Amino acid sequence: MEDQACPRCKTTKYRNPSLKLMVNVCGHTLCESCVDLLFLKGSGACPECMVPLRRNNFRVQLFEDPQVEKEVDIRRRILRDYNKREEDFGTLEEYNDYLEEIEDIVYNLCNNIEIIETNKRIEAYKRDNRDVIQRNKTRVGRDESALEEMLELERVQEESRKKELDELETEHKKKKARDKQALIEELMYSGKDAAQIVTEFAEKAEKQREEEKQLPPPKSSNEFSTGIKFGQTADPTLIPVPKSEEGPLFVYEQLIAITDGPTPPPTDEIESEGYITHIRPETQQENAGGFTSTMACERALQEALQGLFYTPTAGVAAGI
């Protein structure tokens, strides 16, 4: 980011560490000082592409590449109206065509291809789907509100827990300081032996540490960390997922292979009878993948012996 510079005044981050680059809908970058100078009256033209711009449409550049910044802004603006979901379409193919249309529009606007035709296409879509767009905007707003409520509840719980831990730590430090002061006073004013006093305080401290290790039983909770109660969804209008009836458990049955030929030798005979003499050994990569030369030889023998006893029926032979 340090090599970035304003294309108009050539100021860089190296010369001015507080340099703030800004970008508009055209995707070209200007520093904040140039924006204030060129758009003093609220509107003006971009120095590079001469596109009419407004001062209040400039925003701080977040990405190093201005084209990425331009695409993000265009995509956000297009998806504000192209907000249909998969359930709004009859088939998956129609939904995929809709997504492909969005990508075509974004590509055209990012690369200045058929700008007028693309904007007419967007306006026609907004005019033909006004009710669907408004309904989906309301639904998205409701989902975002529910999410914000959950995040706020979780933030409040986190702050409460942090405050509780801070209070426990403060109380532990105060108690430790009181015990230390009590030990000093006991050593100064008590007539007992100093070694005995220290031993008693050490035993008392050890007992307290053992008690602190014993965690209290967990509190009964009736909600998740996000604030949603058990058995309740974030949006009461959502339909719960129906419970599926469990069927019988799967029972493995040995596969009976019909080969119409001699039975191939088992694995132990393949190794002992020398079938793998002319088979190359497996590599480390093949062995790691679960393949062995014995397995390859067994499969080759199965394919070689399969169908040797097959005799076509009369009807099939006549057809041939």
Protein backbone atom coordinates (compact mmCIF):
# COMPACT_ATOMS: atom_id res chain seq x y z
CA MET A 1 0.00 0.00 0.00
CA GLU A 2 2.97 2.34 0.50
CA ASP A 3 3.62 2.58 -3.28
CA GLN A 4 0.08 3.81 -3.98
CA ALA A 5 -0.16 7.37 -5.20
CA CYS A 6 -2.77 9.86 -6.26
CA PRO A 7 -2.80 9.93 -10.10
CA ARG A 8 -3.40 13.70 -10.14
CA CYS A 9 -1.05 15.23 -7.54
CA LYS A 10 1.37 12.21 -7.44
CA THR A 11 1.41 12.20 -3.64
CA THR A 12 2.38 8.79 -2.21
CA LYS A 13 1.95 7.08 1.13
CA TYR A 14 5.70 7.33 1.59
CA ARG A 15 5.67 11.12 1.37
CA ASN A 16 2.40 11.55 3.25
CA PRO A 17 1.63 8.67 5.64
CA SER A 18 -1.82 10.15 6.36
CA LEU A 19 -2.77 10.04 2.67
CA LYS A 20 -6.35 8.87 2.19
CA LEU A 21 -7.24 7.56 -1.26
CA MET A 22 -10.87 7.71 -2.35
CA VAL A 23 -12.76 6.10 -5.21
CA ASN A 24 -16.06 6.74 -7.00
CA VAL A 25 -18.36 4.69 -9.23
CA CYS A 26 -16.03 5.00 -12.24
CA GLY A 27 -13.30 3.12 -10.33
CA HIS A 28 -10.58 5.79 -10.61
CA THR A 29 -8.69 6.89 -7.52
CA LEU A 30 -8.09 10.37 -6.13
CA CYS A 31 -6.68 11.53 -2.82
CA GLU A 32 -8.94 13.35 -0.37
CA SER A 33 -7.28 16.71 -1.04
CA CYS A 34 -7.86 16.44 -4.81
CA VAL A 35 -11.47 15.41 -4.23
CA ASP A 36 -12.07 18.48 -2.05
CA LEU A 37 -10.41 20.69 -4.66
CA LEU A 38 -12.04 19.31 -7.82
CA PHE A 39 -15.51 18.75 -6.37
CA LEU A 40 -15.78 21.92 -4.34
CA LYS A 41 -19.24 22.66 -5.78
CA GLY A 42 -20.51 19.14 -5.10
CA SER A 43 -20.12 17.70 -8.60
CA GLY A 44 -17.57 17.50 -11.39
CA ALA A 45 -15.89 15.22 -13.89
CA CYS A 46 -13.35 12.47 -13.28
CA PRO A 47 -9.88 13.70 -14.40
CA GLU A 48 -9.18 10.38 -16.17
CA CYS A 49 -12.43 9.29 -17.83
CA MET A 50 -14.41 12.56 -17.66
CA VAL A 51 -17.47 10.77 -16.25
CA PRO A 52 -19.75 13.15 -14.27
CA LEU A 53 -19.41 12.40 -10.55
CA ARG A 54 -20.82 13.70 -7.28
CA ARG A 55 -18.79 14.53 -4.21
CA ASN A 56 -20.95 12.54 -1.80
CA ASN A 57 -20.45 9.34 -3.85
CA PHE A 58 -16.71 9.20 -3.05
CA ARG A 59 -15.69 6.66 -0.43
CA VAL A 60 -12.42 5.54 1.12
CA GLN A 61 -10.58 2.97 -0.99
CA LEU A 62 -10.43 -0.35 0.85
CA PHE A 63 -8.68 -2.54 -1.75
CA GLU A 64 -5.30 -1.94 -3.32
CA ASP A 65 -6.66 -2.46 -6.84
CA PRO A 66 -9.22 0.21 -7.81
CA GLN A 67 -10.87 -2.22 -10.24
CA VAL A 68 -11.66 -4.55 -7.36
CA GLU A 69 -13.15 -1.59 -5.51
CA LYS A 70 -15.26 -0.79 -8.58
CA GLU A 71 -16.49 -4.37 -8.95
CA VAL A 72 -17.44 -4.61 -5.26
CA ASP A 73 -19.46 -1.41 -5.51
CA ILE A 74 -21.20 -2.51 -8.72
CA ARG A 75 -21.95 -5.96 -7.36
CA ARG A 76 -23.40 -4.49 -4.16
CA ARG A 77 -25.57 -2.10 -6.17
CA ILE A 78 -26.81 -4.81 -8.57
CA LEU A 79 -27.58 -7.36 -5.84
CA ARG A 80 -29.71 -4.77 -4.09
CA ASP A 81 -32.31 -5.29 -6.86
CA TYR A 82 -31.37 -8.74 -8.18
CA ASN A 83 -32.27 -10.31 -4.83
CA LYS A 84 -34.24 -13.36 -5.90
CA ARG A 85 -33.57 -16.65 -4.14
CA GLU A 86 -33.58 -20.22 -5.34
CA GLU A 87 -37.09 -20.85 -4.02
CA ASP A 88 -38.40 -18.09 -6.32
CA PHE A 89 -37.68 -20.27 -9.38
CA GLY A 90 -39.37 -23.38 -10.65
CA THR A 91 -36.22 -25.28 -11.55
CA LEU A 92 -32.54 -25.17 -10.67
CA GLU A 93 -31.68 -24.44 -14.30
CA GLU A 94 -33.74 -21.23 -14.22
CA TYR A 95 -31.97 -20.15 -11.03
CA ASN A 96 -28.55 -20.82 -12.59
CA ASP A 97 -29.53 -18.79 -15.67
CA TYR A 98 -30.54 -15.94 -13.34
CA LEU A 99 -27.15 -16.04 -11.59
CA GLU A 100 -25.39 -16.10 -14.96
CA GLU A 101 -27.36 -13.03 -16.03
CA ILE A 102 -26.16 -11.20 -12.90
CA GLU A 103 -22.55 -12.06 -13.69
CA ASP A 104 -22.97 -10.82 -17.28
CA ILE A 105 -24.33 -7.49 -16.03
CA VAL A 106 -21.52 -7.07 -13.50
CA TYR A 107 -18.90 -7.92 -16.13
CA ASN A 108 -20.33 -5.42 -18.63
CA LEU A 109 -20.46 -2.61 -16.09
CA CYS A 110 -16.94 -3.33 -14.77
CA ASN A 111 -15.41 -3.38 -18.25
CA ASN A 112 -17.52 -0.57 -19.81
CA ILE A 113 -19.16 -2.93 -22.31
CA GLU A 114 -22.58 -1.91 -23.67
CA ILE A 115 -23.25 0.37 -20.72
CA ILE A 116 -26.45 1.91 -22.13
CA GLU A 117 -27.97 -1.45 -23.12
CA THR A 118 -27.03 -2.98 -19.77
CA ASN A 119 -28.63 -0.13 -17.82
CA LYS A 120 -31.80 -0.46 -19.92
CA ARG A 121 -31.76 -4.17 -19.13
CA ILE A 122 -31.52 -3.42 -15.41
CA GLU A 123 -34.36 -0.89 -15.54
CA ALA A 124 -36.57 -3.34 -17.44
CA TYR A 125 -35.91 -6.01 -14.82
CA LYS A 126 -36.71 -3.60 -11.96
CA ARG A 127 -39.92 -2.57 -13.68
CA ASP A 128 -41.09 -6.14 -14.37
CA ASN A 129 -40.16 -7.53 -10.91
CA ARG A 130 -41.03 -4.58 -8.66
CA ASP A 131 -43.23 -6.63 -6.28
CA VAL A 132 -40.73 -9.51 -5.95
CA ILE A 133 -37.84 -7.11 -5.31
CA GLN A 134 -39.76 -5.28 -2.58
CA ARG A 135 -40.85 -8.54 -0.93
CA ASN A 136 -37.30 -9.90 -0.87
CA LYS A 137 -35.97 -6.61 0.49
CA THR A 138 -38.46 -6.86 3.36
CA ARG A 139 -37.46 -10.47 3.98
CA VAL A 140 -33.74 -9.63 3.96
CA GLY A 141 -34.36 -6.73 6.34
CA ARG A 142 -36.25 -9.02 8.71
CA ASP A 143 -33.46 -11.61 8.64
CA GLU A 144 -30.82 -8.95 9.26
CA SER A 145 -32.81 -7.56 12.19
CA ALA A 146 -33.08 -11.01 13.75
CA LEU A 147 -29.34 -11.54 13.25
CA GLU A 148 -28.53 -8.16 14.82
CA GLU A 149 -30.69 -9.03 17.83
CA MET A 150 -28.85 -12.32 18.28
CA LEU A 151 -25.45 -10.63 17.99
CA GLU A 152 -26.50 -7.95 20.47
CA LEU A 153 -27.65 -10.55 22.99
CA GLU A 154 -24.40 -12.44 22.59
CA ARG A 155 -22.39 -9.24 23.04
CA VAL A 156 -24.30 -8.39 26.24
CA GLN A 157 -23.71 -11.89 27.61
CA GLU A 158 -20.01 -11.66 26.76
CA GLU A 159 -19.69 -8.31 28.52
CA SER A 160 -21.55 -9.65 31.56
CA ARG A 161 -19.27 -12.68 31.72
CA LYS A 162 -16.16 -10.50 31.34
CA LYS A 163 -17.38 -8.19 34.10
CA GLU A 164 -18.01 -11.18 36.36
CA LEU A 165 -14.50 -12.53 35.74
CA ASP A 166 -12.98 -9.10 36.45
CA GLU A 167 -14.87 -8.89 39.74
CA LEU A 168 -13.71 -12.37 40.73
CA GLU A 169 -10.10 -11.50 39.90
CA THR A 170 -10.31 -8.23 41.85
CA GLU A 171 -11.81 -10.02 44.85
CA HIS A 172 -9.09 -12.68 44.65
CA LYS A 173 -6.36 -10.00 44.66
CA LYS A 174 -7.97 -8.24 47.64
CA LYS A 175 -8.24 -11.49 49.54
CA LYS A 176 -4.62 -12.31 48.81
CA ALA A 177 -3.55 -8.89 50.06
CA ARG A 178 -5.63 -9.33 53.27
CA ASP A 179 -4.09 -12.74 53.94
CA LYS A 180 -0.62 -11.31 53.42
CA GLN A 181 -1.33 -8.43 55.82
CA ALA A 182 -2.79 -10.86 58.36
CA LEU A 183 0.34 -13.00 58.17
CA ILE A 184 2.57 -9.96 58.75
CA GLU A 185 0.51 -8.83 61.74
CA GLU A 186 0.51 -12.35 63.16
CA LEU A 187 4.28 -12.52 62.92
CA MET A 188 4.68 -9.06 64.49
CA TYR A 189 2.25 -9.20 67.41
CA SER A 190 1.65 -12.90 68.12
CA GLY A 191 3.66 -14.80 70.68
CA LYS A 192 3.63 -18.01 68.67
CA ASP A 193 6.64 -19.49 66.97
CA ALA A 194 7.24 -17.90 63.55
CA ALA A 195 7.74 -21.26 61.84
CA GLN A 196 4.44 -22.53 63.22
CA ILE A 197 2.60 -19.41 62.05
CA VAL A 198 4.03 -19.71 58.53
CA THR A 199 3.13 -23.41 58.41
CA GLU A 200 -0.47 -22.72 59.47
CA PHE A 201 -0.87 -20.00 56.86
CA ALA A 202 0.65 -22.26 54.18
CA GLU A 203 -1.79 -25.05 55.02
CA LYS A 204 -4.67 -22.59 54.98
CA ALA A 205 -3.59 -21.24 51.58
CA GLU A 206 -3.23 -24.77 50.19
CA LYS A 207 -6.73 -25.63 51.39
CA GLN A 208 -8.14 -22.52 49.72
CA ARG A 209 -6.42 -23.42 46.44
CA GLU A 210 -7.94 -26.89 46.55
CA GLU A 211 -11.38 -25.37 47.08
CA GLU A 212 -10.89 -23.04 44.11
CA LYS A 213 -10.01 -25.97 41.86
CA GLN A 214 -13.41 -27.51 42.50
CA LEU A 215 -15.55 -25.87 39.87
CA PRO A 216 -19.16 -25.08 40.78
CA PRO A 217 -21.85 -27.11 39.02
CA PRO A 218 -22.87 -25.61 35.67
CA LYS A 219 -25.94 -23.44 35.69
CA SER A 220 -28.98 -24.81 33.95
CA SER A 221 -29.24 -23.05 30.60
CA ASN A 222 -32.37 -22.70 28.52
CA GLU A 223 -30.88 -20.84 25.55
CA PHE A 224 -27.97 -20.93 23.13
CA SER A 225 -25.05 -18.52 23.21
CA THR A 226 -26.79 -16.47 20.50
CA GLY A 227 -29.79 -15.86 22.76
CA ILE A 228 -32.18 -18.22 20.99
CA LYS A 229 -34.10 -20.38 23.44
CA PHE A 230 -34.09 -24.14 23.01
CA GLY A 231 -36.83 -25.17 20.61
CA GLN A 232 -37.25 -21.63 19.25
CA THR A 233 -36.04 -20.20 15.95
CA ALA A 234 -34.77 -16.71 15.30
CA ASP A 235 -37.81 -15.90 13.16
CA PRO A 236 -41.16 -17.21 14.47
CA THR A 237 -42.55 -17.23 10.91
CA LEU A 238 -40.09 -19.94 9.83
CA ILE A 239 -41.46 -23.46 9.55
CA PRO A 240 -39.58 -26.05 11.68
CA VAL A 241 -37.81 -28.89 9.91
CA PRO A 242 -40.05 -31.97 9.97
CA LYS A 243 -38.72 -34.99 11.81
CA SER A 244 -37.94 -37.87 9.50
CA GLU A 245 -38.91 -41.39 10.49
CA GLU A 246 -35.90 -43.65 10.94
CA GLY A 247 -35.93 -46.80 8.87
CA PRO A 248 -34.26 -50.14 9.59
CA LEU A 249 -30.51 -50.25 10.10
CA PHE A 250 -28.30 -51.19 7.17
CA VAL A 251 -27.17 -54.81 7.11
CA TYR A 252 -24.20 -55.71 4.92
CA GLU A 253 -24.68 -58.70 2.62
CA GLN A 254 -21.77 -60.40 0.93
CA LEU A 255 -21.73 -59.79 -2.82
CA ILE A 256 -22.16 -62.92 -4.91
CA ALA A 257 -20.35 -62.43 -8.22
CA ILE A 258 -21.64 -64.41 -11.22
CA THR A 259 -18.66 -64.81 -13.54
CA ASP A 260 -19.78 -67.58 -15.95
CA GLY A 261 -16.25 -68.90 -15.86
CA PRO A 262 -13.64 -70.67 -13.70
CA THR A 263 -13.27 -69.40 -10.15
CA PRO A 264 -10.18 -67.18 -9.91
CA PRO A 265 -7.58 -68.19 -7.32
CA PRO A 266 -7.80 -66.56 -3.88
CA THR A 267 -5.37 -63.88 -2.74
CA ASP A 268 -3.05 -66.18 -0.79
CA GLU A 269 -2.63 -68.51 -3.80
CA ILE A 270 -1.88 -65.58 -6.10
CA GLU A 271 1.15 -64.77 -3.96
CA SER A 272 2.25 -68.36 -3.24
CA GLU A 273 1.78 -69.81 -6.74
CA GLY A 274 3.79 -67.09 -8.43
CA TYR A 275 1.03 -65.32 -10.34
CA ILE A 276 2.58 -61.94 -9.51
CA THR A 277 6.02 -62.86 -10.83
CA HIS A 278 5.55 -60.81 -13.98
CA ILE A 279 3.57 -58.02 -12.27
CA ARG A 280 5.56 -54.91 -11.42
CA PRO A 281 5.56 -53.99 -7.74
CA GLU A 282 3.43 -51.07 -6.66
CA THR A 283 4.99 -47.65 -6.10
CA GLN A 284 4.90 -45.81 -2.79
CA GLN A 285 2.19 -43.48 -4.09
CA GLU A 286 0.05 -46.43 -5.23
CA ASN A 287 0.57 -48.23 -1.94
CA ALA A 288 -0.43 -45.12 -0.04
CA GLY A 289 -3.64 -45.02 -2.09
CA GLY A 290 -4.47 -48.63 -1.10
CA PHE A 291 -3.39 -50.37 -4.31
CA THR A 292 -1.08 -53.43 -4.35
CA SER A 293 0.34 -55.62 -7.11
CA THR A 294 -1.66 -58.55 -5.71
CA MET A 295 -4.89 -56.60 -6.14
CA ALA A 296 -4.01 -55.70 -9.74
CA CYS A 297 -3.17 -59.34 -10.55
CA GLU A 298 -6.42 -60.55 -8.97
CA ARG A 299 -8.48 -58.14 -11.05
CA ALA A 300 -6.63 -59.18 -14.23
CA LEU A 301 -7.35 -62.87 -13.51
CA GLN A 302 -11.03 -62.13 -12.86
CA GLU A 303 -11.36 -60.34 -16.18
CA ALA A 304 -9.47 -63.09 -18.03
CA LEU A 305 -11.60 -65.94 -16.63
CA GLN A 306 -14.95 -64.18 -16.71
CA GLY A 307 -17.41 -65.42 -19.35
CA LEU A 308 -15.40 -68.48 -20.50
CA PHE A 309 -18.36 -70.81 -19.70
CA TYR A 310 -20.96 -68.48 -21.22
CA THR A 311 -23.18 -70.08 -23.87
CA PRO A 312 -25.74 -67.89 -25.63
CA THR A 313 -29.35 -69.11 -25.58
CA ALA A 314 -31.10 -70.23 -28.72
CA GLY A 315 -33.10 -67.03 -29.06
CA VAL A 316 -30.06 -64.81 -28.65
CA ALA A 317 -28.01 -66.97 -31.03
CA ALA A 318 -30.77 -66.84 -33.64
CA GLY A 319 -30.96 -63.06 -33.31
CA ILE A 320 -27.24 -62.78 -33.88
